[in-house]
Amino acid sequence: MQAMSSSSEDTIALLQRVPVFSTLLREELERVAQMVVPRRFEAGEIVFKEGDEGSTCYVVRSGRARAVVEHPDGRTITLAHFGPGDIFGEMAMLDGERRSATVESIEETDAIAILSADMHRLLREYPDISVKLIAALGRRLRETNERLARQSFQTVQSRVAAVLADMVSSARAEGGAERDLVITATQAELAQLAGSSRESASRFLAVLERAGIITQGRGKLTVHDPEALGRYVY
């Protein structure tokens, strides 16, 4: 892992994309930007492990990472993917608890790191920032709970389609095309993210492929008609 250079303006623009920081004023974002430390992770490098002390949060500038946990039976389960503009390990800014999952880079990934000690000093000095961050983290938790509640009533097809639609939205936010978007994920990862078995997810992906909506490849798939995914989400 090595440090890299980045401009303050680029850092502020990146922070503005992160929901946790999006409500901060320009001068508040500048204060946060002054604390960040650039980080680079090679493909397959571990950012932190489940059970590690939580002392840093990260925002992805470029590249991709994923959060995984190890099941007692030895399986590795993917919980989430992170791309440009995504934040992970953010609870370390507040509670300093041990990591609940392992995060590893999928490809070469550039990120900015914010140390919890630096954030705590900033929050003590500027209480307004503290109030905004707590509110933003509360919204994020509520949205997660609502998503999990919706998933409990959705079919496997709906959950897989929703996961794919979210990945398409992220790819478009990074400047991807409107159609024929390449999504890097295995069938097993899609199934885990959708909370389904690999077999059930595979059967539905085959349905999408026969309909011409996607084309599957090794460790990736191409979404030809993103809007068509919406027909399966309910």
Protein backbone atom coordinates (compact mmCIF):
# COMPACT_ATOMS: atom_id res chain seq x y z
CA MET A 1 0.00 0.00 0.00
CA GLN A 2 1.38 3.42 -0.87
CA ALA A 3 0.35 7.04 -0.63
CA MET A 4 -0.58 9.03 -3.70
CA SER A 5 -1.06 12.74 -4.39
CA SER A 6 -4.47 14.37 -4.93
CA SER A 7 -5.73 17.95 -5.07
CA SER A 8 -7.90 19.47 -2.39
CA GLU A 9 -10.52 20.40 -4.98
CA ASP A 10 -10.78 16.82 -6.20
CA THR A 11 -11.12 15.62 -2.62
CA ILE A 12 -13.91 18.11 -1.88
CA ALA A 13 -15.72 17.07 -5.06
CA LEU A 14 -15.40 13.42 -4.02
CA LEU A 15 -16.71 14.10 -0.51
CA GLN A 16 -19.72 15.91 -1.97
CA ARG A 17 -20.71 12.66 -3.70
CA VAL A 18 -20.80 10.76 -0.41
CA PRO A 19 -24.25 10.87 1.27
CA VAL A 20 -22.66 11.02 4.73
CA PHE A 21 -20.90 14.29 3.82
CA SER A 22 -23.28 15.69 1.18
CA THR A 23 -25.11 18.04 3.60
CA LEU A 24 -21.92 19.76 4.76
CA LEU A 25 -21.23 23.32 3.66
CA ARG A 26 -18.26 24.11 1.43
CA GLU A 27 -16.13 25.36 4.33
CA GLU A 28 -17.00 22.27 6.36
CA LEU A 29 -15.99 20.00 3.48
CA GLU A 30 -12.71 21.91 3.27
CA ARG A 31 -12.01 21.09 6.91
CA VAL A 32 -12.69 17.41 6.32
CA ALA A 33 -10.56 17.45 3.14
CA GLN A 34 -7.59 18.79 5.10
CA MET A 35 -7.57 15.64 7.24
CA VAL A 36 -7.71 12.94 4.56
CA VAL A 37 -4.81 10.67 3.75
CA PRO A 38 -4.55 9.23 0.20
CA ARG A 39 -4.26 5.44 0.02
CA ARG A 40 -3.73 2.95 -2.79
CA PHE A 41 -4.51 -0.76 -2.61
CA GLU A 42 -3.40 -3.37 -5.11
CA ALA A 43 -5.88 -5.89 -6.52
CA GLY A 44 -6.66 -8.49 -3.85
CA GLU A 45 -5.14 -6.46 -1.01
CA ILE A 46 -6.88 -6.52 2.37
CA VAL A 47 -7.91 -3.04 3.56
CA PHE A 48 -8.90 -4.34 6.99
CA LYS A 49 -10.05 -7.64 8.48
CA GLU A 50 -13.13 -8.63 10.41
CA GLY A 51 -12.35 -8.19 14.11
CA ASP A 52 -9.69 -5.49 13.56
CA GLU A 53 -9.90 -2.34 15.64
CA GLY A 54 -11.96 0.27 13.78
CA SER A 55 -9.88 3.43 13.53
CA THR A 56 -10.26 4.60 9.91
CA CYS A 57 -12.98 5.04 7.31
CA TYR A 58 -12.40 5.13 3.54
CA VAL A 59 -13.96 6.73 0.48
CA VAL A 60 -13.24 5.10 -2.88
CA ARG A 61 -11.79 7.46 -5.48
CA SER A 62 -11.30 4.86 -8.21
CA GLY A 63 -11.35 1.08 -8.45
CA ARG A 64 -13.52 -1.41 -6.58
CA ALA A 65 -13.58 -3.21 -3.25
CA ARG A 66 -15.93 -5.58 -1.47
CA ALA A 67 -16.97 -6.42 2.08
CA VAL A 68 -16.99 -10.10 3.00
CA VAL A 69 -17.55 -12.21 6.09
CA GLU A 70 -16.49 -15.79 6.70
CA HIS A 71 -19.30 -18.19 7.55
CA PRO A 72 -18.60 -20.76 10.31
CA ASP A 73 -18.68 -23.49 7.65
CA GLY A 74 -15.78 -21.83 5.82
CA ARG A 75 -17.72 -20.09 3.07
CA THR A 76 -16.91 -16.47 2.25
CA ILE A 77 -20.05 -14.36 1.88
CA THR A 78 -20.04 -11.05 0.01
CA LEU A 79 -22.02 -8.35 1.81
CA ALA A 80 -21.43 -5.32 -0.41
CA HIS A 81 -19.44 -3.86 -3.29
CA PHE A 82 -17.85 -0.41 -3.19
CA GLY A 83 -17.03 1.79 -6.17
CA PRO A 84 -16.07 5.45 -6.72
CA GLY A 85 -17.89 7.72 -4.28
CA ASP A 86 -18.75 4.90 -1.87
CA ILE A 87 -17.73 5.01 1.79
CA PHE A 88 -16.95 2.05 4.03
CA GLY A 89 -15.84 1.65 7.63
CA GLU A 90 -17.65 4.88 8.43
CA MET A 91 -18.85 3.79 11.87
CA ALA A 92 -15.19 4.00 12.94
CA MET A 93 -15.63 7.78 12.82
CA LEU A 94 -17.96 7.51 15.81
CA ASP A 95 -17.80 4.29 17.79
CA GLY A 96 -14.32 2.81 17.24
CA GLU A 97 -15.74 -0.73 17.53
CA ARG A 98 -14.06 -3.71 15.91
CA ARG A 99 -14.70 -4.35 12.22
CA SER A 100 -17.80 -6.39 11.46
CA ALA A 101 -16.49 -7.53 8.05
CA THR A 102 -13.33 -7.83 5.97
CA VAL A 103 -12.86 -5.37 3.11
CA GLU A 104 -10.60 -6.28 0.21
CA SER A 105 -9.86 -4.57 -3.10
CA ILE A 106 -11.17 -6.30 -6.21
CA GLU A 107 -8.91 -4.27 -8.49
CA GLU A 108 -6.32 -1.57 -7.99
CA THR A 109 -8.14 0.95 -5.83
CA ASP A 110 -7.36 4.54 -4.89
CA ALA A 111 -9.11 5.88 -1.81
CA ILE A 112 -8.94 8.59 0.80
CA ALA A 113 -8.72 7.62 4.47
CA ILE A 114 -10.05 9.56 7.44
CA LEU A 115 -8.62 8.63 10.84
CA SER A 116 -11.17 8.49 13.64
CA ALA A 117 -8.86 10.46 15.97
CA ASP A 118 -8.75 13.33 13.44
CA MET A 119 -12.52 13.21 12.94
CA HIS A 120 -13.13 13.27 16.70
CA ARG A 121 -10.99 16.40 17.06
CA LEU A 122 -12.92 18.05 14.21
CA LEU A 123 -16.30 17.14 15.73
CA ARG A 124 -15.28 18.56 19.11
CA GLU A 125 -14.18 21.79 17.48
CA TYR A 126 -17.17 22.12 15.14
CA PRO A 127 -20.36 20.75 16.77
CA ASP A 128 -22.47 21.65 13.71
CA ILE A 129 -20.54 19.12 11.64
CA SER A 130 -21.14 16.53 14.36
CA VAL A 131 -24.91 17.05 14.22
CA LYS A 132 -24.97 16.75 10.42
CA LEU A 133 -22.85 13.60 10.37
CA ILE A 134 -24.93 11.87 13.02
CA ALA A 135 -28.12 12.73 11.10
CA ALA A 136 -26.59 11.44 7.85
CA LEU A 137 -25.45 8.18 9.45
CA GLY A 138 -28.92 7.77 10.96
CA ARG A 139 -30.51 8.16 7.51
CA ARG A 140 -28.07 5.63 6.08
CA LEU A 141 -28.98 3.11 8.78
CA ARG A 142 -32.69 3.71 8.25
CA GLU A 143 -32.35 3.23 4.49
CA THR A 144 -30.48 -0.03 5.08
CA ASN A 145 -33.23 -1.28 7.38
CA GLU A 146 -35.91 -0.31 4.84
CA ARG A 147 -34.03 -2.13 2.07
CA LEU A 148 -33.73 -5.27 4.19
CA ALA A 149 -37.43 -5.07 5.03
CA ARG A 150 -38.34 -4.79 1.33
CA GLN A 151 -36.11 -7.73 0.48
CA SER A 152 -37.93 -9.93 2.97
CA PHE A 153 -41.10 -9.58 0.87
CA GLN A 154 -39.45 -9.80 -2.56
CA THR A 155 -39.00 -12.88 -4.71
CA VAL A 156 -35.51 -14.09 -5.64
CA GLN A 157 -35.99 -12.67 -9.15
CA SER A 158 -36.91 -9.27 -7.77
CA ARG A 159 -33.95 -9.19 -5.38
CA VAL A 160 -31.42 -10.21 -8.05
CA ALA A 161 -32.86 -7.69 -10.52
CA ALA A 162 -32.68 -4.96 -7.86
CA VAL A 163 -29.03 -5.77 -7.12
CA LEU A 164 -28.20 -5.61 -10.83
CA ALA A 165 -30.10 -2.33 -11.20
CA ASP A 166 -28.11 -0.82 -8.31
CA MET A 167 -24.85 -1.91 -9.96
CA VAL A 168 -25.98 -0.38 -13.24
CA SER A 169 -26.76 2.91 -11.47
CA SER A 170 -23.29 2.93 -9.91
CA ALA A 171 -21.65 2.21 -13.26
CA ARG A 172 -23.59 5.03 -14.91
CA ALA A 173 -22.59 7.42 -12.11
CA GLU A 174 -18.98 6.65 -13.00
CA GLY A 175 -19.61 7.66 -16.62
CA GLY A 176 -20.76 4.32 -18.01
CA ALA A 177 -22.86 4.03 -21.14
CA GLU A 178 -26.65 3.94 -21.12
CA ARG A 179 -26.64 0.40 -22.52
CA ASP A 180 -24.24 -2.56 -22.75
CA LEU A 181 -22.79 -1.93 -19.29
CA VAL A 182 -20.22 -4.45 -18.03
CA ILE A 183 -20.78 -5.47 -14.40
CA THR A 184 -17.91 -7.23 -12.60
CA ALA A 185 -19.47 -9.83 -10.30
CA THR A 186 -19.79 -13.59 -10.15
CA GLN A 187 -23.08 -15.45 -9.89
CA ALA A 188 -22.19 -16.35 -6.32
CA GLU A 189 -21.59 -12.70 -5.39
CA LEU A 190 -24.88 -11.59 -6.98
CA ALA A 191 -26.69 -14.34 -5.09
CA GLN A 192 -25.11 -13.32 -1.79
CA LEU A 193 -25.94 -9.66 -2.31
CA ALA A 194 -29.53 -10.62 -3.14
CA GLY A 195 -29.81 -13.01 -0.21
CA SER A 196 -30.56 -16.03 -2.39
CA SER A 197 -28.96 -19.33 -3.27
CA ARG A 198 -26.51 -19.44 -6.18
CA GLU A 199 -28.74 -21.93 -7.97
CA SER A 200 -31.82 -19.68 -7.78
CA ALA A 201 -29.87 -16.63 -8.92
CA SER A 202 -28.31 -18.63 -11.77
CA ARG A 203 -31.73 -19.74 -13.02
CA PHE A 204 -33.00 -16.16 -13.07
CA LEU A 205 -29.85 -14.87 -14.80
CA ALA A 206 -30.44 -17.51 -17.47
CA VAL A 207 -33.96 -16.12 -17.94
CA LEU A 208 -32.54 -12.61 -18.38
CA GLU A 209 -29.98 -13.92 -20.85
CA ARG A 210 -32.60 -15.70 -22.95
CA ALA A 211 -34.60 -12.47 -23.02
CA GLY A 212 -31.54 -10.63 -24.37
CA ILE A 213 -31.33 -8.35 -21.34
CA ILE A 214 -27.89 -9.59 -20.26
CA THR A 215 -24.99 -11.67 -21.54
CA GLN A 216 -23.02 -13.66 -19.00
CA GLY A 217 -19.25 -14.05 -19.00
CA ARG A 218 -16.60 -15.38 -16.65
CA GLY A 219 -16.80 -13.30 -13.48
CA LYS A 220 -18.80 -10.57 -15.19
CA LEU A 221 -21.93 -9.89 -17.19
CA THR A 222 -23.06 -7.28 -19.69
CA VAL A 223 -26.40 -5.55 -19.17
CA HIS A 224 -27.74 -4.69 -22.62
CA ASP A 225 -31.11 -3.29 -21.55
CA PRO A 226 -30.90 -1.80 -18.03
CA GLU A 227 -34.44 -0.41 -18.13
CA ALA A 228 -35.82 -3.92 -18.68
CA LEU A 229 -34.56 -4.92 -15.23
CA GLY A 230 -37.21 -2.69 -13.73
CA ARG A 231 -39.92 -5.05 -14.96
CA TYR A 232 -38.66 -7.67 -12.51
CA VAL A 233 -38.38 -5.40 -9.45
CA TYR A 234 -41.50 -5.12 -7.32
